[in-house]
């Protein structure tokens, strides 16, 4: 069974409306922009920019053994583990139980 498309509307300021008027297929452009934004959100805060108190606690645990570093190739920041591949190192959770 095919699902019927849903129409969404949203408000924009006049300057953005003027720019969007120049886009040949506004619907496709907005659809792709929204999907791209959703695929590129922060995995910890889900794009809100704010951590809940529990997320902050988890982050604090992770931050004890990790740090942010700038990549020498692409210049983007990423997490690096202080402990490396130490056999007694734990990231504070059982990953397998979280994936089930």
PDB file of N, CA and C in Angstrom:
ATOM      1  N   UNK A   1       0.842  -1.163   0.000  1.00  0.00           N
ATOM      2  CA  UNK A   1       0.000   0.000   0.000  1.00  0.00           C
ATOM      3  C   UNK A   1       0.898   1.240   0.000  1.00  0.00           C
ATOM      4  N   UNK A   2       0.637   2.156  -0.890  1.00  0.00           N
ATOM      5  CA  UNK A   2       1.417   3.385  -1.004  1.00  0.00           C
ATOM      6  C   UNK A   2       0.882   4.430  -0.031  1.00  0.00           C
ATOM      7  N   UNK A   3       1.787   5.113   0.633  1.00  0.00           N
ATOM      8  CA  UNK A   3       1.374   6.156   1.574  1.00  0.00           C
ATOM      9  C   UNK A   3       1.234   7.472   0.833  1.00  0.00           C
ATOM     10  N   UNK A   4       0.189   8.195   1.138  1.00  0.00           N
ATOM     11  CA  UNK A   4      -0.070   9.486   0.512  1.00  0.00           C
ATOM     12  C   UNK A   4       0.880  10.527   1.109  1.00  0.00           C
ATOM     13  N   UNK A   5       1.522  11.349   0.270  1.00  0.00           N
ATOM     14  CA  UNK A   5       2.417  12.387   0.796  1.00  0.00           C
ATOM     15  C   UNK A   5       1.670  13.374   1.691  1.00  0.00           C
ATOM     16  N   UNK A   6       2.362  13.887   2.677  1.00  0.00           N
ATOM     17  CA  UNK A   6       1.812  14.879   3.594  1.00  0.00           C
ATOM     18  C   UNK A   6       2.425  16.227   3.248  1.00  0.00           C
ATOM     19  N   UNK A   7       1.603  17.258   3.210  1.00  0.00           N
ATOM     20  CA  UNK A   7       2.094  18.598   2.919  1.00  0.00           C
ATOM     21  C   UNK A   7       2.398  19.313   4.228  1.00  0.00           C
ATOM     22  N   UNK A   8       3.601  19.844   4.337  1.00  0.00           N
ATOM     23  CA  UNK A   8       4.003  20.633   5.497  1.00  0.00           C
ATOM     24  C   UNK A   8       4.260  22.065   5.045  1.00  0.00           C
ATOM     25  N   UNK A   9       3.942  23.005   5.892  1.00  0.00           N
ATOM     26  CA  UNK A   9       4.245  24.407   5.590  1.00  0.00           C
ATOM     27  C   UNK A   9       5.042  24.985   6.745  1.00  0.00           C
ATOM     28  N   UNK A  10       5.830  26.003   6.455  1.00  0.00           N
ATOM     29  CA  UNK A  10       6.595  26.667   7.497  1.00  0.00           C
ATOM     30  C   UNK A  10       6.837  28.110   7.088  1.00  0.00           C
ATOM     31  N   UNK A  11       7.072  28.935   8.072  1.00  0.00           N
ATOM     32  CA  UNK A  11       7.300  30.360   7.827  1.00  0.00           C
ATOM     33  C   UNK A  11       8.787  30.628   7.654  1.00  0.00           C
ATOM     34  N   UNK A  12       9.107  31.556   6.760  1.00  0.00           N
ATOM     35  CA  UNK A  12      10.484  32.007   6.567  1.00  0.00           C
ATOM     36  C   UNK A  12      10.484  33.523   6.480  1.00  0.00           C
ATOM     37  N   UNK A  13      11.642  34.113   6.743  1.00  0.00           N
ATOM     38  CA  UNK A  13      11.729  35.562   6.609  1.00  0.00           C
ATOM     39  C   UNK A  13      11.778  35.925   5.123  1.00  0.00           C
ATOM     40  N   UNK A  14      11.474  37.171   4.787  1.00  0.00           N
ATOM     41  CA  UNK A  14      11.424  37.587   3.376  1.00  0.00           C
ATOM     42  C   UNK A  14      12.717  37.320   2.603  1.00  0.00           C
ATOM     43  N   UNK A  15      13.862  37.476   3.231  1.00  0.00           N
ATOM     44  CA  UNK A  15      15.133  37.255   2.533  1.00  0.00           C
ATOM     45  C   UNK A  15      15.283  35.788   2.118  1.00  0.00           C
ATOM     46  N   UNK A  16      14.926  34.869   3.012  1.00  0.00           N
ATOM     47  CA  UNK A  16      15.007  33.448   2.677  1.00  0.00           C
ATOM     48  C   UNK A  16      13.977  33.089   1.610  1.00  0.00           C
ATOM     49  N   UNK A  17      12.788  33.661   1.697  1.00  0.00           N
ATOM     50  CA  UNK A  17      11.756  33.408   0.685  1.00  0.00           C
ATOM     51  C   UNK A  17      12.242  33.834  -0.690  1.00  0.00           C
ATOM     52  N   UNK A  18      12.935  34.951  -0.748  1.00  0.00           N
ATOM     53  CA  UNK A  18      13.461  35.442  -2.030  1.00  0.00           C
ATOM     54  C   UNK A  18      14.500  34.474  -2.598  1.00  0.00           C
ATOM     55  N   UNK A  19      15.353  33.959  -1.737  1.00  0.00           N
ATOM     56  CA  UNK A  19      16.367  32.994  -2.178  1.00  0.00           C
ATOM     57  C   UNK A  19      15.701  31.703  -2.647  1.00  0.00           C
ATOM     58  N   UNK A  20      14.730  31.201  -1.868  1.00  0.00           N
ATOM     59  CA  UNK A  20      14.052  29.958  -2.234  1.00  0.00           C
ATOM     60  C   UNK A  20      13.253  30.089  -3.526  1.00  0.00           C
ATOM     61  N   UNK A  21      12.774  31.289  -3.820  1.00  0.00           N
ATOM     62  CA  UNK A  21      12.040  31.504  -5.071  1.00  0.00           C
ATOM     63  C   UNK A  21      12.908  31.238  -6.292  1.00  0.00           C
ATOM     64  N   UNK A  22      14.210  31.311  -6.137  1.00  0.00           N
ATOM     65  CA  UNK A  22      15.132  31.086  -7.256  1.00  0.00           C
ATOM     66  C   UNK A  22      15.487  29.609  -7.431  1.00  0.00           C
ATOM     67  N   UNK A  23      15.093  28.783  -6.483  1.00  0.00           N
ATOM     68  CA  UNK A  23      15.376  27.347  -6.553  1.00  0.00           C
ATOM     69  C   UNK A  23      14.341  26.696  -7.473  1.00  0.00           C
ATOM     70  N   UNK A  24      14.798  25.954  -8.500  1.00  0.00           N
ATOM     71  CA  UNK A  24      13.865  25.373  -9.477  1.00  0.00           C
ATOM     72  C   UNK A  24      12.813  24.433  -8.870  1.00  0.00           C
ATOM     73  N   UNK A  25      13.201  23.565  -7.945  1.00  0.00           N
ATOM     74  CA  UNK A  25      12.268  22.618  -7.345  1.00  0.00           C
ATOM     75  C   UNK A  25      12.370  22.760  -5.830  1.00  0.00           C
ATOM     76  N   UNK A  26      11.614  23.709  -5.287  1.00  0.00           N
ATOM     77  CA  UNK A  26      11.693  24.001  -3.852  1.00  0.00           C
ATOM     78  C   UNK A  26      11.386  22.774  -2.992  1.00  0.00           C
ATOM     79  N   UNK A  27      10.384  22.008  -3.376  1.00  0.00           N
ATOM     80  CA  UNK A  27      10.003  20.840  -2.570  1.00  0.00           C
ATOM     81  C   UNK A  27      11.157  19.852  -2.448  1.00  0.00           C
ATOM     82  N   UNK A  28      11.778  19.535  -3.562  1.00  0.00           N
ATOM     83  CA  UNK A  28      12.899  18.587  -3.543  1.00  0.00           C
ATOM     84  C   UNK A  28      14.080  19.166  -2.770  1.00  0.00           C
ATOM     85  N   UNK A  29      14.350  20.447  -2.946  1.00  0.00           N
ATOM     86  CA  UNK A  29      15.448  21.103  -2.241  1.00  0.00           C
ATOM     87  C   UNK A  29      15.233  21.036  -0.728  1.00  0.00           C
ATOM     88  N   UNK A  30      14.035  21.403  -0.281  1.00  0.00           N
ATOM     89  CA  UNK A  30      13.733  21.399   1.156  1.00  0.00           C
ATOM     90  C   UNK A  30      13.753  19.970   1.690  1.00  0.00           C
ATOM     91  N   UNK A  31      13.200  19.026   0.936  1.00  0.00           N
ATOM     92  CA  UNK A  31      13.198  17.618   1.354  1.00  0.00           C
ATOM     93  C   UNK A  31      14.631  17.131   1.580  1.00  0.00           C
ATOM     94  N   UNK A  32      15.514  17.410   0.625  1.00  0.00           N
ATOM     95  CA  UNK A  32      16.918  16.974   0.755  1.00  0.00           C
ATOM     96  C   UNK A  32      17.631  17.693   1.900  1.00  0.00           C
ATOM     97  N   UNK A  33      17.346  18.982   2.068  1.00  0.00           N
ATOM     98  CA  UNK A  33      17.982  19.749   3.147  1.00  0.00           C
ATOM     99  C   UNK A  33      17.573  19.210   4.514  1.00  0.00           C
ATOM    100  N   UNK A  34      16.300  18.897   4.677  1.00  0.00           N
ATOM    101  CA  UNK A  34      15.817  18.367   5.954  1.00  0.00           C
ATOM    102  C   UNK A  34      16.432  16.996   6.224  1.00  0.00           C
ATOM    103  N   UNK A  35      16.434  16.121   5.228  1.00  0.00           N
ATOM    104  CA  UNK A  35      17.037  14.794   5.411  1.00  0.00           C
ATOM    105  C   UNK A  35      18.521  14.897   5.737  1.00  0.00           C
ATOM    106  N   UNK A  36      19.218  15.794   5.079  1.00  0.00           N
ATOM    107  CA  UNK A  36      20.642  15.988   5.354  1.00  0.00           C
ATOM    108  C   UNK A  36      20.856  16.477   6.781  1.00  0.00           C
ATOM    109  N   UNK A  37      20.038  17.427   7.206  1.00  0.00           N
ATOM    110  CA  UNK A  37      20.161  17.950   8.571  1.00  0.00           C
ATOM    111  C   UNK A  37      19.898  16.855   9.599  1.00  0.00           C
ATOM    112  N   UNK A  38      18.927  16.006   9.346  1.00  0.00           N
ATOM    113  CA  UNK A  38      18.608  14.930  10.285  1.00  0.00           C
ATOM    114  C   UNK A  38      19.696  13.868  10.329  1.00  0.00           C
ATOM    115  N   UNK A  39      20.370  13.638   9.212  1.00  0.00           N
ATOM    116  CA  UNK A  39      21.440  12.643   9.168  1.00  0.00           C
ATOM    117  C   UNK A  39      22.730  13.156   9.794  1.00  0.00           C
ATOM    118  N   UNK A  40      22.857  14.452   9.958  1.00  0.00           N
ATOM    119  CA  UNK A  40      24.099  15.036  10.450  1.00  0.00           C
ATOM    120  C   UNK A  40      23.951  15.682  11.821  1.00  0.00           C
ATOM    121  N   UNK A  41      23.023  15.181  12.614  1.00  0.00           N
ATOM    122  CA  UNK A  41      22.846  15.734  13.949  1.00  0.00           C
ATOM    123  C   UNK A  41      23.813  15.074  14.923  1.00  0.00           C
ATOM    124  N   UNK A  42      24.087  15.757  15.993  1.00  0.00           N
ATOM    125  CA  UNK A  42      24.950  15.229  17.043  1.00  0.00           C
ATOM    126  C   UNK A  42      24.313  13.964  17.621  1.00  0.00           C
ATOM    127  N   UNK A  43      25.060  12.867  17.694  1.00  0.00           N
ATOM    128  CA  UNK A  43      24.481  11.628  18.218  1.00  0.00           C
ATOM    129  C   UNK A  43      24.185  11.682  19.716  1.00  0.00           C
ATOM    130  N   UNK A  44      24.805  12.595  20.426  1.00  0.00           N
ATOM    131  CA  UNK A  44      24.579  12.667  21.866  1.00  0.00           C
ATOM    132  C   UNK A  44      23.354  13.513  22.205  1.00  0.00           C
ATOM    133  N   UNK A  45      23.241  14.702  21.601  1.00  0.00           N
ATOM    134  CA  UNK A  45      22.124  15.592  21.938  1.00  0.00           C
ATOM    135  C   UNK A  45      21.002  15.552  20.906  1.00  0.00           C
ATOM    136  N   UNK A  46      21.175  14.769  19.845  1.00  0.00           N
ATOM    137  CA  UNK A  46      20.190  14.662  18.760  1.00  0.00           C
ATOM    138  C   UNK A  46      19.896  16.010  18.109  1.00  0.00           C
ATOM    139  N   UNK A  47      20.898  16.857  18.079  1.00  0.00           N
ATOM    140  CA  UNK A  47      20.767  18.131  17.385  1.00  0.00           C
ATOM    141  C   UNK A  47      20.177  19.265  18.196  1.00  0.00           C
ATOM    142  N   UNK A  48      19.890  19.028  19.476  1.00  0.00           N
ATOM    143  CA  UNK A  48      19.295  20.097  20.284  1.00  0.00           C
ATOM    144  C   UNK A  48      20.341  21.103  20.751  1.00  0.00           C
ATOM    145  N   UNK A  49      21.583  20.657  20.856  1.00  0.00           N
ATOM    146  CA  UNK A  49      22.633  21.525  21.369  1.00  0.00           C
ATOM    147  C   UNK A  49      22.682  21.557  22.887  1.00  0.00           C
ATOM    148  N   UNK A  50      21.818  20.774  23.523  1.00  0.00           N
ATOM    149  CA  UNK A  50      21.727  20.762  24.983  1.00  0.00           C
ATOM    150  C   UNK A  50      21.732  19.318  25.471  1.00  0.00           C
ATOM    151  N   UNK A  51      22.528  19.043  26.492  1.00  0.00           N
ATOM    152  CA  UNK A  51      22.550  17.712  27.095  1.00  0.00           C
ATOM    153  C   UNK A  51      21.628  17.687  28.304  1.00  0.00           C
ATOM    154  N   UNK A  52      20.911  16.582  28.468  1.00  0.00           N
ATOM    155  CA  UNK A  52      20.117  16.405  29.680  1.00  0.00           C
ATOM    156  C   UNK A  52      21.097  16.139  30.826  1.00  0.00           C
ATOM    157  N   UNK A  53      20.653  16.250  32.062  1.00  0.00           N
ATOM    158  CA  UNK A  53      21.554  15.938  33.180  1.00  0.00           C
ATOM    159  C   UNK A  53      22.148  14.528  33.085  1.00  0.00           C
ATOM    160  N   UNK A  54      21.372  13.548  32.661  1.00  0.00           N
ATOM    161  CA  UNK A  54      21.890  12.182  32.538  1.00  0.00           C
ATOM    162  C   UNK A  54      22.891  12.076  31.395  1.00  0.00           C
ATOM    163  N   UNK A  55      22.607  12.754  30.271  1.00  0.00           N
ATOM    164  CA  UNK A  55      23.566  12.759  29.166  1.00  0.00           C
ATOM    165  C   UNK A  55      24.860  13.427  29.605  1.00  0.00           C
ATOM    166  N   UNK A  56      24.751  14.482  30.394  1.00  0.00           N
ATOM    167  CA  UNK A  56      25.933  15.189  30.896  1.00  0.00           C
ATOM    168  C   UNK A  56      26.767  14.258  31.775  1.00  0.00           C
ATOM    169  N   UNK A  57      26.105  13.454  32.606  1.00  0.00           N
ATOM    170  CA  UNK A  57      26.823  12.485  33.441  1.00  0.00           C
ATOM    171  C   UNK A  57      27.572  11.467  32.578  1.00  0.00           C
ATOM    172  N   UNK A  58      26.896  10.959  31.543  1.00  0.00           N
ATOM    173  CA  UNK A  58      27.551  10.009  30.637  1.00  0.00           C
ATOM    174  C   UNK A  58      28.733  10.668  29.933  1.00  0.00           C
ATOM    175  N   UNK A  59      28.539  11.914  29.509  1.00  0.00           N
ATOM    176  CA  UNK A  59      29.616  12.640  28.827  1.00  0.00           C
ATOM    177  C   UNK A  59      30.804  12.831  29.771  1.00  0.00           C
ATOM    178  N   UNK A  60      30.532  13.167  31.027  1.00  0.00           N
ATOM    179  CA  UNK A  60      31.608  13.376  32.003  1.00  0.00           C
ATOM    180  C   UNK A  60      32.417  12.091  32.188  1.00  0.00           C
ATOM    181  N   UNK A  61      31.743  10.954  32.224  1.00  0.00           N
ATOM    182  CA  UNK A  61      32.434   9.669  32.342  1.00  0.00           C
ATOM    183  C   UNK A  61      33.321   9.433  31.126  1.00  0.00           C
ATOM    184  N   UNK A  62      32.783   9.666  29.949  1.00  0.00           N
ATOM    185  CA  UNK A  62      33.547   9.476  28.719  1.00  0.00           C
ATOM    186  C   UNK A  62      34.720  10.455  28.640  1.00  0.00           C
ATOM    187  N   UNK A  63      34.497  11.687  29.061  1.00  0.00           N
ATOM    188  CA  UNK A  63      35.520  12.731  28.955  1.00  0.00           C
ATOM    189  C   UNK A  63      36.740  12.459  29.838  1.00  0.00           C
ATOM    190  N   UNK A  64      36.586  11.590  30.845  1.00  0.00           N
ATOM    191  CA  UNK A  64      37.733  11.253  31.689  1.00  0.00           C
ATOM    192  C   UNK A  64      38.800  10.491  30.919  1.00  0.00           C
ATOM    193  N   UNK A  65      38.400   9.779  29.883  1.00  0.00           N
ATOM    194  CA  UNK A  65      39.357   8.965  29.131  1.00  0.00           C
ATOM    195  C   UNK A  65      39.449   9.364  27.660  1.00  0.00           C
ATOM    196  N   UNK A  66      38.797  10.452  27.294  1.00  0.00           N
ATOM    197  CA  UNK A  66      38.794  10.902  25.901  1.00  0.00           C
ATOM    198  C   UNK A  66      39.022  12.407  25.828  1.00  0.00           C
ATOM    199  N   UNK A  67      39.492  12.863  24.687  1.00  0.00           N
ATOM    200  CA  UNK A  67      39.654  14.297  24.480  1.00  0.00           C
ATOM    201  C   UNK A  67      39.328  14.633  23.033  1.00  0.00           C
ATOM    202  N   UNK A  68      39.095  15.915  22.783  1.00  0.00           N
ATOM    203  CA  UNK A  68      38.816  16.390  21.427  1.00  0.00           C
ATOM    204  C   UNK A  68      40.138  16.747  20.764  1.00  0.00           C
ATOM    205  N   UNK A  69      40.290  16.353  19.511  1.00  0.00           N
ATOM    206  CA  UNK A  69      41.499  16.676  18.753  1.00  0.00           C
ATOM    207  C   UNK A  69      41.097  17.102  17.349  1.00  0.00           C
ATOM    208  N   UNK A  70      41.903  17.973  16.770  1.00  0.00           N
ATOM    209  CA  UNK A  70      41.661  18.428  15.408  1.00  0.00           C
ATOM    210  C   UNK A  70      42.430  17.528  14.448  1.00  0.00           C
ATOM    211  N   UNK A  71      41.745  17.019  13.440  1.00  0.00           N
ATOM    212  CA  UNK A  71      42.365  16.140  12.455  1.00  0.00           C
ATOM    213  C   UNK A  71      43.354  16.940  11.613  1.00  0.00           C
ATOM    214  N   UNK A  72      44.545  16.406  11.454  1.00  0.00           N
ATOM    215  CA  UNK A  72      45.561  17.069  10.649  1.00  0.00           C
ATOM    216  C   UNK A  72      45.251  17.060   9.164  1.00  0.00           C
ATOM    217  N   UNK A  73      44.393  16.145   8.724  1.00  0.00           N
ATOM    218  CA  UNK A  73      44.045  16.055   7.303  1.00  0.00           C
ATOM    219  C   UNK A  73      42.853  16.942   6.937  1.00  0.00           C
ATOM    220  N   UNK A  74      41.725  16.755   7.636  1.00  0.00           N
ATOM    221  CA  UNK A  74      40.497  17.468   7.249  1.00  0.00           C
ATOM    222  C   UNK A  74      40.188  18.671   8.134  1.00  0.00           C
ATOM    223  N   UNK A  75      40.933  18.848   9.225  1.00  0.00           N
ATOM    224  CA  UNK A  75      40.771  19.967  10.151  1.00  0.00           C
ATOM    225  C   UNK A  75      39.476  19.912  10.969  1.00  0.00           C
ATOM    226  N   UNK A  76      38.799  18.774  10.977  1.00  0.00           N
ATOM    227  CA  UNK A  76      37.586  18.616  11.780  1.00  0.00           C
ATOM    228  C   UNK A  76      37.957  18.038  13.143  1.00  0.00           C
ATOM    229  N   UNK A  77      37.158  18.362  14.180  1.00  0.00           N
ATOM    230  CA  UNK A  77      37.392  17.835  15.514  1.00  0.00           C
ATOM    231  C   UNK A  77      36.757  16.454  15.659  1.00  0.00           C
ATOM    232  N   UNK A  78      37.396  15.606  16.459  1.00  0.00           N
ATOM    233  CA  UNK A  78      36.891  14.267  16.717  1.00  0.00           C
ATOM    234  C   UNK A  78      37.362  13.816  18.087  1.00  0.00           C
ATOM    235  N   UNK A  79      36.729  12.753  18.621  1.00  0.00           N
ATOM    236  CA  UNK A  79      37.112  12.201  19.919  1.00  0.00           C
ATOM    237  C   UNK A  79      38.287  11.247  19.773  1.00  0.00           C
ATOM    238  N   UNK A  80      39.211  11.340  20.720  1.00  0.00           N
ATOM    239  CA  UNK A  80      40.363  10.443  20.763  1.00  0.00           C
ATOM    240  C   UNK A  80      40.399   9.825  22.155  1.00  0.00           C
ATOM    241  N   UNK A  81      40.643   8.533  22.216  1.00  0.00           N
ATOM    242  CA  UNK A  81      40.676   7.816  23.480  1.00  0.00           C
ATOM    243  C   UNK A  81      42.082   7.882  24.077  1.00  0.00           C
ATOM    244  N   UNK A  82      42.198   8.358  25.331  1.00  0.00           N
ATOM    245  CA  UNK A  82      43.486   8.392  26.039  1.00  0.00           C
ATOM    246  C   UNK A  82      44.044   6.992  26.245  1.00  0.00           C
ATOM    247  N   UNK A  83      43.167   6.053  26.586  1.00  0.00           N
ATOM    248  CA  UNK A  83      43.606   4.725  27.003  1.00  0.00           C
ATOM    249  C   UNK A  83      43.989   3.829  25.834  1.00  0.00           C
ATOM    250  N   UNK A  84      43.622   4.216  24.652  1.00  0.00           N
ATOM    251  CA  UNK A  84      43.958   3.398  23.490  1.00  0.00           C
ATOM    252  C   UNK A  84      43.331   2.029  23.561  1.00  0.00           C
ATOM    253  N   UNK A  85      44.115   1.007  23.302  1.00  0.00           N
ATOM    254  CA  UNK A  85      43.599  -0.359  23.270  1.00  0.00           C
ATOM    255  C   UNK A  85      43.896  -1.135  24.550  1.00  0.00           C
ATOM    256  N   UNK A  86      44.060  -0.438  25.648  1.00  0.00           N
ATOM    257  CA  UNK A  86      44.342  -1.100  26.918  1.00  0.00           C
ATOM    258  C   UNK A  86      43.247  -2.124  27.233  1.00  0.00           C
ATOM    259  N   UNK A  87      43.607  -3.370  27.582  1.00  0.00           N
ATOM    260  CA  UNK A  87      42.603  -4.408  27.833  1.00  0.00           C
ATOM    261  C   UNK A  87      41.719  -4.123  29.044  1.00  0.00           C
ATOM    262  N   UNK A  88      42.208  -3.327  29.999  1.00  0.00           N
ATOM    263  CA  UNK A  88      41.393  -3.040  31.176  1.00  0.00           C
ATOM    264  C   UNK A  88      40.613  -1.735  31.045  1.00  0.00           C
ATOM    265  N   UNK A  89      40.631  -1.153  29.874  1.00  0.00           N
ATOM    266  CA  UNK A  89      39.922   0.103  29.632  1.00  0.00           C
ATOM    267  C   UNK A  89      38.452  -0.161  29.318  1.00  0.00           C
ATOM    268  N   UNK A  90      37.576   0.612  29.927  1.00  0.00           N
ATOM    269  CA  UNK A  90      36.141   0.493  29.676  1.00  0.00           C
ATOM    270  C   UNK A  90      35.581   1.857  29.324  1.00  0.00           C
ATOM    271  N   UNK A  91      34.609   1.891  28.446  1.00  0.00           N
ATOM    272  CA  UNK A  91      33.944   3.141  28.093  1.00  0.00           C
ATOM    273  C   UNK A  91      32.711   3.371  28.955  1.00  0.00           C
ATOM    274  N   UNK A  92      32.589   2.635  30.031  1.00  0.00           N
ATOM    275  CA  UNK A  92      31.517   2.884  30.987  1.00  0.00           C
ATOM    276  C   UNK A  92      30.187   2.252  30.624  1.00  0.00           C
ATOM    277  N   UNK A  93      30.156   1.401  29.589  1.00  0.00           N
ATOM    278  CA  UNK A  93      28.906   0.742  29.255  1.00  0.00           C
ATOM    279  C   UNK A  93      29.198  -0.532  28.484  1.00  0.00           C
ATOM    280  N   UNK A  94      28.252  -1.419  28.513  1.00  0.00           N
ATOM    281  CA  UNK A  94      28.332  -2.641  27.727  1.00  0.00           C
ATOM    282  C   UNK A  94      27.634  -2.361  26.409  1.00  0.00           C
ATOM    283  N   UNK A  95      28.401  -2.130  25.358  1.00  0.00           N
ATOM    284  CA  UNK A  95      27.849  -1.731  24.070  1.00  0.00           C
ATOM    285  C   UNK A  95      26.865  -2.757  23.530  1.00  0.00           C
ATOM    286  N   UNK A  96      27.164  -4.024  23.700  1.00  0.00           N
ATOM    287  CA  UNK A  96      26.274  -5.067  23.179  1.00  0.00           C
ATOM    288  C   UNK A  96      24.875  -4.957  23.776  1.00  0.00           C
ATOM    289  N   UNK A  97      24.773  -4.666  25.074  1.00  0.00           N
ATOM    290  CA  UNK A  97      23.451  -4.583  25.693  1.00  0.00           C
ATOM    291  C   UNK A  97      22.683  -3.363  25.206  1.00  0.00           C
ATOM    292  N   UNK A  98      23.378  -2.317  24.764  1.00  0.00           N
ATOM    293  CA  UNK A  98      22.707  -1.126  24.255  1.00  0.00           C
ATOM    294  C   UNK A  98      22.225  -1.309  22.824  1.00  0.00           C
ATOM    295  N   UNK A  99      22.788  -2.264  22.111  1.00  0.00           N
ATOM    296  CA  UNK A  99      22.422  -2.470  20.713  1.00  0.00           C
ATOM    297  C   UNK A  99      21.269  -3.454  20.547  1.00  0.00           C
ATOM    298  N   UNK A 100      20.862  -4.099  21.616  1.00  0.00           N
ATOM    299  CA  UNK A 100      19.779  -5.097  21.525  1.00  0.00           C
ATOM    300  C   UNK A 100      18.432  -4.439  21.644  1.00  0.00           C
TER     301      UNK A 100
END
